[in-house]
């Protein structure tokens, strides 16, 4: 299989894409495992997820990291700080992240 493009996706989007592919035909083993994982851990509202990613992007957080944060849904300051270990003003960013993801 040739990879045509790559882009980071939220678990919600992975679930949506793989569910559509499942309707169209059989999934590979990896796709089945990914779909089950996305169903288990991607139980979020698509609109809220998109809004959260956009809010994180507005904080100058790169897309890849914003999606990692949304997928992980940190609940404590310590968890959120893990995403900003080597950055200045890490605590401020982590607090803003918690505010954004608290409703997911």
N, C-alpha and C. Protein backbone atom coordinates (compact mmCIF):
# COMPACT_ATOMS: atom_id res chain seq x y z
N UNK A 1 0.84 -1.17 0.00
CA UNK A 1 0.00 0.00 0.00
C UNK A 1 0.89 1.24 0.00
N UNK A 2 0.59 2.17 -0.87
CA UNK A 2 1.37 3.39 -0.98
C UNK A 2 0.69 4.51 -0.19
N UNK A 3 1.48 5.24 0.60
CA UNK A 3 0.95 6.36 1.37
C UNK A 3 0.94 7.59 0.48
N UNK A 4 -0.23 8.17 0.30
CA UNK A 4 -0.37 9.35 -0.55
C UNK A 4 -0.20 10.64 0.22
N UNK A 5 -0.67 10.64 1.46
CA UNK A 5 -0.52 11.83 2.29
C UNK A 5 -0.66 11.43 3.76
N UNK A 6 -0.23 12.32 4.62
CA UNK A 6 -0.30 12.09 6.05
C UNK A 6 -0.82 13.33 6.72
N UNK A 7 -1.67 13.15 7.72
CA UNK A 7 -2.11 14.27 8.53
C UNK A 7 -2.57 13.74 9.88
N UNK A 8 -2.33 14.49 10.92
CA UNK A 8 -2.76 14.05 12.26
C UNK A 8 -4.29 14.11 12.36
N UNK A 9 -4.86 13.12 13.03
CA UNK A 9 -6.32 13.06 13.18
C UNK A 9 -6.70 12.84 14.63
N UNK A 10 -7.83 13.39 15.00
CA UNK A 10 -8.37 13.10 16.32
C UNK A 10 -8.97 11.70 16.29
N UNK A 11 -9.11 11.11 17.46
CA UNK A 11 -9.71 9.77 17.53
C UNK A 11 -11.12 9.78 16.97
N UNK A 12 -11.82 10.87 17.16
CA UNK A 12 -13.18 11.00 16.64
C UNK A 12 -13.18 10.91 15.11
N UNK A 13 -12.22 11.57 14.48
CA UNK A 13 -12.12 11.55 13.01
C UNK A 13 -11.68 10.17 12.53
N UNK A 14 -10.78 9.52 13.24
CA UNK A 14 -10.35 8.15 12.89
C UNK A 14 -11.55 7.22 12.92
N UNK A 15 -12.34 7.35 13.97
CA UNK A 15 -13.53 6.51 14.11
C UNK A 15 -14.49 6.72 12.94
N UNK A 16 -14.68 7.96 12.57
CA UNK A 16 -15.58 8.31 11.46
C UNK A 16 -15.09 7.72 10.13
N UNK A 17 -13.81 7.90 9.84
CA UNK A 17 -13.24 7.42 8.57
C UNK A 17 -13.28 5.90 8.50
N UNK A 18 -12.86 5.23 9.57
CA UNK A 18 -12.83 3.76 9.55
C UNK A 18 -14.23 3.16 9.54
N UNK A 19 -15.19 3.81 10.17
CA UNK A 19 -16.58 3.32 10.13
C UNK A 19 -17.11 3.39 8.70
N UNK A 20 -16.78 4.45 7.98
CA UNK A 20 -17.19 4.57 6.58
C UNK A 20 -16.54 3.50 5.73
N UNK A 21 -15.24 3.25 5.96
CA UNK A 21 -14.54 2.21 5.19
C UNK A 21 -15.09 0.83 5.50
N UNK A 22 -15.51 0.62 6.74
CA UNK A 22 -16.07 -0.68 7.11
C UNK A 22 -17.36 -0.94 6.35
N UNK A 23 -18.16 0.10 6.15
CA UNK A 23 -19.40 -0.04 5.38
C UNK A 23 -19.09 -0.40 3.92
N UNK A 24 -17.98 0.14 3.41
CA UNK A 24 -17.62 -0.09 2.00
C UNK A 24 -16.97 -1.46 1.78
N UNK A 25 -16.48 -2.09 2.83
CA UNK A 25 -15.83 -3.39 2.67
C UNK A 25 -15.09 -3.79 3.92
N UNK A 26 -14.29 -4.84 3.79
CA UNK A 26 -13.54 -5.35 4.93
C UNK A 26 -12.39 -4.42 5.30
N UNK A 27 -12.12 -4.38 6.58
CA UNK A 27 -10.98 -3.63 7.09
C UNK A 27 -9.81 -4.57 7.31
N UNK A 28 -8.60 -4.03 7.21
CA UNK A 28 -7.42 -4.82 7.54
C UNK A 28 -7.40 -5.01 9.06
N UNK A 29 -6.54 -5.90 9.52
CA UNK A 29 -6.42 -6.14 10.96
C UNK A 29 -6.10 -4.84 11.70
N UNK A 30 -5.13 -4.09 11.18
CA UNK A 30 -4.72 -2.84 11.82
C UNK A 30 -5.87 -1.83 11.87
N UNK A 31 -6.65 -1.78 10.80
CA UNK A 31 -7.79 -0.86 10.76
C UNK A 31 -8.86 -1.28 11.77
N UNK A 32 -9.07 -2.58 11.89
CA UNK A 32 -10.06 -3.06 12.87
C UNK A 32 -9.64 -2.71 14.29
N UNK A 33 -8.37 -2.92 14.60
CA UNK A 33 -7.84 -2.60 15.93
C UNK A 33 -7.95 -1.10 16.17
N UNK A 34 -7.61 -0.31 15.17
CA UNK A 34 -7.68 1.15 15.30
C UNK A 34 -9.10 1.62 15.50
N UNK A 35 -10.04 1.00 14.79
CA UNK A 35 -11.44 1.36 14.95
C UNK A 35 -11.95 1.04 16.35
N UNK A 36 -11.59 -0.12 16.86
CA UNK A 36 -12.01 -0.49 18.22
C UNK A 36 -11.42 0.46 19.25
N UNK A 37 -10.16 0.81 19.07
CA UNK A 37 -9.50 1.75 19.98
C UNK A 37 -10.20 3.11 19.92
N UNK A 38 -10.48 3.58 18.71
CA UNK A 38 -11.14 4.88 18.54
C UNK A 38 -12.54 4.87 19.14
N UNK A 39 -13.24 3.75 19.01
CA UNK A 39 -14.57 3.65 19.62
C UNK A 39 -14.50 3.72 21.14
N UNK A 40 -13.48 3.06 21.69
CA UNK A 40 -13.32 3.00 23.14
C UNK A 40 -12.91 4.34 23.73
N UNK A 41 -11.96 5.02 23.09
CA UNK A 41 -11.38 6.23 23.68
C UNK A 41 -11.79 7.52 22.98
N UNK A 42 -12.46 7.43 21.87
CA UNK A 42 -12.86 8.62 21.12
C UNK A 42 -14.31 8.98 21.31
N UNK A 43 -14.78 8.91 22.52
CA UNK A 43 -16.20 9.16 22.81
C UNK A 43 -16.42 10.65 23.07
N UNK A 44 -16.26 11.44 22.02
CA UNK A 44 -16.39 12.88 22.16
C UNK A 44 -17.30 13.43 21.07
N UNK A 45 -17.84 14.58 21.31
CA UNK A 45 -18.68 15.28 20.36
C UNK A 45 -17.78 15.90 19.28
N UNK A 46 -18.04 15.59 18.01
CA UNK A 46 -17.19 16.06 16.91
C UNK A 46 -17.06 17.58 16.89
N UNK A 47 -18.14 18.26 17.11
CA UNK A 47 -18.11 19.73 17.08
C UNK A 47 -17.25 20.28 18.22
N UNK A 48 -17.40 19.72 19.41
CA UNK A 48 -16.59 20.17 20.54
C UNK A 48 -15.11 19.87 20.32
N UNK A 49 -14.82 18.73 19.72
CA UNK A 49 -13.43 18.36 19.43
C UNK A 49 -12.82 19.38 18.48
N UNK A 50 -13.54 19.70 17.42
CA UNK A 50 -13.05 20.66 16.44
C UNK A 50 -12.84 22.04 17.08
N UNK A 51 -13.77 22.45 17.92
CA UNK A 51 -13.64 23.73 18.61
C UNK A 51 -12.43 23.73 19.54
N UNK A 52 -12.20 22.62 20.22
CA UNK A 52 -11.06 22.51 21.13
C UNK A 52 -9.74 22.58 20.36
N UNK A 53 -9.66 21.88 19.25
CA UNK A 53 -8.44 21.91 18.43
C UNK A 53 -8.19 23.34 17.96
N UNK A 54 -9.23 24.01 17.48
CA UNK A 54 -9.07 25.39 17.01
C UNK A 54 -8.65 26.32 18.14
N UNK A 55 -9.21 26.14 19.32
CA UNK A 55 -8.82 26.97 20.46
C UNK A 55 -7.35 26.74 20.82
N UNK A 56 -6.91 25.50 20.75
CA UNK A 56 -5.50 25.21 21.04
C UNK A 56 -4.59 25.80 19.97
N UNK A 57 -5.03 25.76 18.73
CA UNK A 57 -4.24 26.38 17.66
C UNK A 57 -4.13 27.88 17.88
N UNK A 58 -5.17 28.50 18.41
CA UNK A 58 -5.15 29.93 18.70
C UNK A 58 -4.16 30.27 19.81
N UNK A 59 -3.75 29.28 20.59
CA UNK A 59 -2.73 29.48 21.62
C UNK A 59 -1.32 29.24 21.07
N UNK A 60 -1.23 29.16 19.75
CA UNK A 60 0.04 28.90 19.06
C UNK A 60 0.61 27.53 19.38
N UNK A 61 -0.27 26.59 19.60
CA UNK A 61 0.13 25.19 19.78
C UNK A 61 0.07 24.53 18.41
N UNK A 62 1.13 23.85 17.99
CA UNK A 62 1.13 23.20 16.67
C UNK A 62 0.00 22.17 16.55
N UNK A 63 -0.47 21.97 15.33
CA UNK A 63 -1.60 21.07 15.07
C UNK A 63 -1.37 19.68 15.65
N UNK A 64 -0.20 19.11 15.44
CA UNK A 64 0.07 17.76 15.93
C UNK A 64 -0.08 17.68 17.45
N UNK A 65 0.46 18.67 18.13
CA UNK A 65 0.38 18.68 19.59
C UNK A 65 -1.06 18.94 20.05
N UNK A 66 -1.77 19.82 19.34
CA UNK A 66 -3.17 20.11 19.69
C UNK A 66 -4.01 18.84 19.60
N UNK A 67 -3.79 18.05 18.58
CA UNK A 67 -4.55 16.81 18.41
C UNK A 67 -4.15 15.80 19.48
N UNK A 68 -2.86 15.72 19.80
CA UNK A 68 -2.43 14.83 20.89
C UNK A 68 -3.11 15.22 22.20
N UNK A 69 -3.19 16.50 22.46
CA UNK A 69 -3.82 16.98 23.69
C UNK A 69 -5.29 16.62 23.72
N UNK A 70 -5.99 16.85 22.63
CA UNK A 70 -7.43 16.54 22.57
C UNK A 70 -7.64 15.04 22.73
N UNK A 71 -6.82 14.24 22.08
CA UNK A 71 -6.96 12.78 22.20
C UNK A 71 -6.68 12.30 23.62
N UNK A 72 -5.72 12.93 24.28
CA UNK A 72 -5.35 12.52 25.64
C UNK A 72 -6.31 13.07 26.70
N UNK A 73 -6.92 14.19 26.43
CA UNK A 73 -7.85 14.85 27.36
C UNK A 73 -7.30 14.92 28.78
N UNK A 74 -6.21 15.68 28.99
CA UNK A 74 -5.65 15.77 30.33
C UNK A 74 -6.67 16.33 31.33
N UNK A 75 -6.64 15.79 32.53
CA UNK A 75 -7.61 16.20 33.55
C UNK A 75 -6.96 16.95 34.71
N UNK A 76 -5.65 16.85 34.82
CA UNK A 76 -4.96 17.53 35.92
C UNK A 76 -3.87 18.42 35.33
N UNK A 77 -3.43 19.35 36.15
CA UNK A 77 -2.35 20.24 35.73
C UNK A 77 -1.09 19.44 35.41
N UNK A 78 -0.80 18.44 36.20
CA UNK A 78 0.39 17.61 35.98
C UNK A 78 0.33 16.91 34.62
N UNK A 79 -0.84 16.41 34.27
CA UNK A 79 -1.00 15.75 32.97
C UNK A 79 -0.82 16.75 31.83
N UNK A 80 -1.41 17.93 31.97
CA UNK A 80 -1.30 18.94 30.93
C UNK A 80 0.14 19.46 30.79
N UNK A 81 0.85 19.55 31.90
CA UNK A 81 2.23 20.03 31.87
C UNK A 81 3.14 19.11 31.06
N UNK A 82 2.80 17.85 30.96
CA UNK A 82 3.62 16.91 30.20
C UNK A 82 3.76 17.31 28.73
N UNK A 83 2.80 18.03 28.22
CA UNK A 83 2.84 18.46 26.82
C UNK A 83 3.75 19.67 26.61
N UNK A 84 4.14 20.32 27.70
CA UNK A 84 4.92 21.55 27.59
C UNK A 84 6.20 21.53 28.43
N UNK A 85 6.78 20.38 28.61
CA UNK A 85 7.95 20.21 29.48
C UNK A 85 9.07 21.20 29.21
N UNK A 86 9.39 21.44 27.98
CA UNK A 86 10.57 22.23 27.64
C UNK A 86 10.21 23.64 27.16
N UNK A 87 9.02 24.07 27.44
CA UNK A 87 8.59 25.39 26.96
C UNK A 87 8.53 26.40 28.08
N UNK A 88 8.72 27.64 27.69
CA UNK A 88 8.56 28.73 28.64
C UNK A 88 7.08 28.92 28.91
N UNK A 89 6.77 29.38 30.09
CA UNK A 89 5.38 29.62 30.49
C UNK A 89 4.53 28.36 30.37
N UNK A 90 5.13 27.23 30.68
CA UNK A 90 4.44 25.93 30.57
C UNK A 90 3.20 25.88 31.45
N UNK A 91 3.30 26.38 32.66
CA UNK A 91 2.17 26.31 33.58
C UNK A 91 0.98 27.10 33.06
N UNK A 92 1.24 28.29 32.49
CA UNK A 92 0.16 29.10 31.93
C UNK A 92 -0.53 28.37 30.79
N UNK A 93 0.27 27.80 29.89
CA UNK A 93 -0.31 27.06 28.75
C UNK A 93 -1.10 25.86 29.24
N UNK A 94 -0.55 25.13 30.19
CA UNK A 94 -1.21 23.93 30.72
C UNK A 94 -2.55 24.30 31.35
N UNK A 95 -2.60 25.40 32.07
CA UNK A 95 -3.86 25.83 32.68
C UNK A 95 -4.90 26.19 31.62
N UNK A 96 -4.46 26.86 30.55
CA UNK A 96 -5.37 27.19 29.45
C UNK A 96 -5.87 25.93 28.76
N UNK A 97 -4.97 24.96 28.58
CA UNK A 97 -5.35 23.70 27.95
C UNK A 97 -6.42 23.00 28.78
N UNK A 98 -6.25 22.96 30.09
CA UNK A 98 -7.24 22.31 30.95
C UNK A 98 -8.60 22.98 30.82
N UNK A 99 -8.59 24.29 30.71
CA UNK A 99 -9.85 25.03 30.55
C UNK A 99 -10.54 24.65 29.24
N UNK A 100 -9.75 24.48 28.19
CA UNK A 100 -10.30 24.15 26.87
C UNK A 100 -10.84 22.73 26.81
N UNK A 101 -10.09 21.77 27.36
CA UNK A 101 -10.49 20.36 27.21
C UNK A 101 -11.42 19.84 28.29
N UNK A 102 -11.73 20.66 29.28
CA UNK A 102 -12.54 20.17 30.40
C UNK A 102 -13.95 19.72 29.99
N UNK A 103 -14.49 20.25 28.90
CA UNK A 103 -15.85 19.92 28.49
C UNK A 103 -15.93 18.84 27.43
N UNK A 104 -14.78 18.23 27.10
CA UNK A 104 -14.80 17.17 26.08
C UNK A 104 -15.32 15.88 26.64
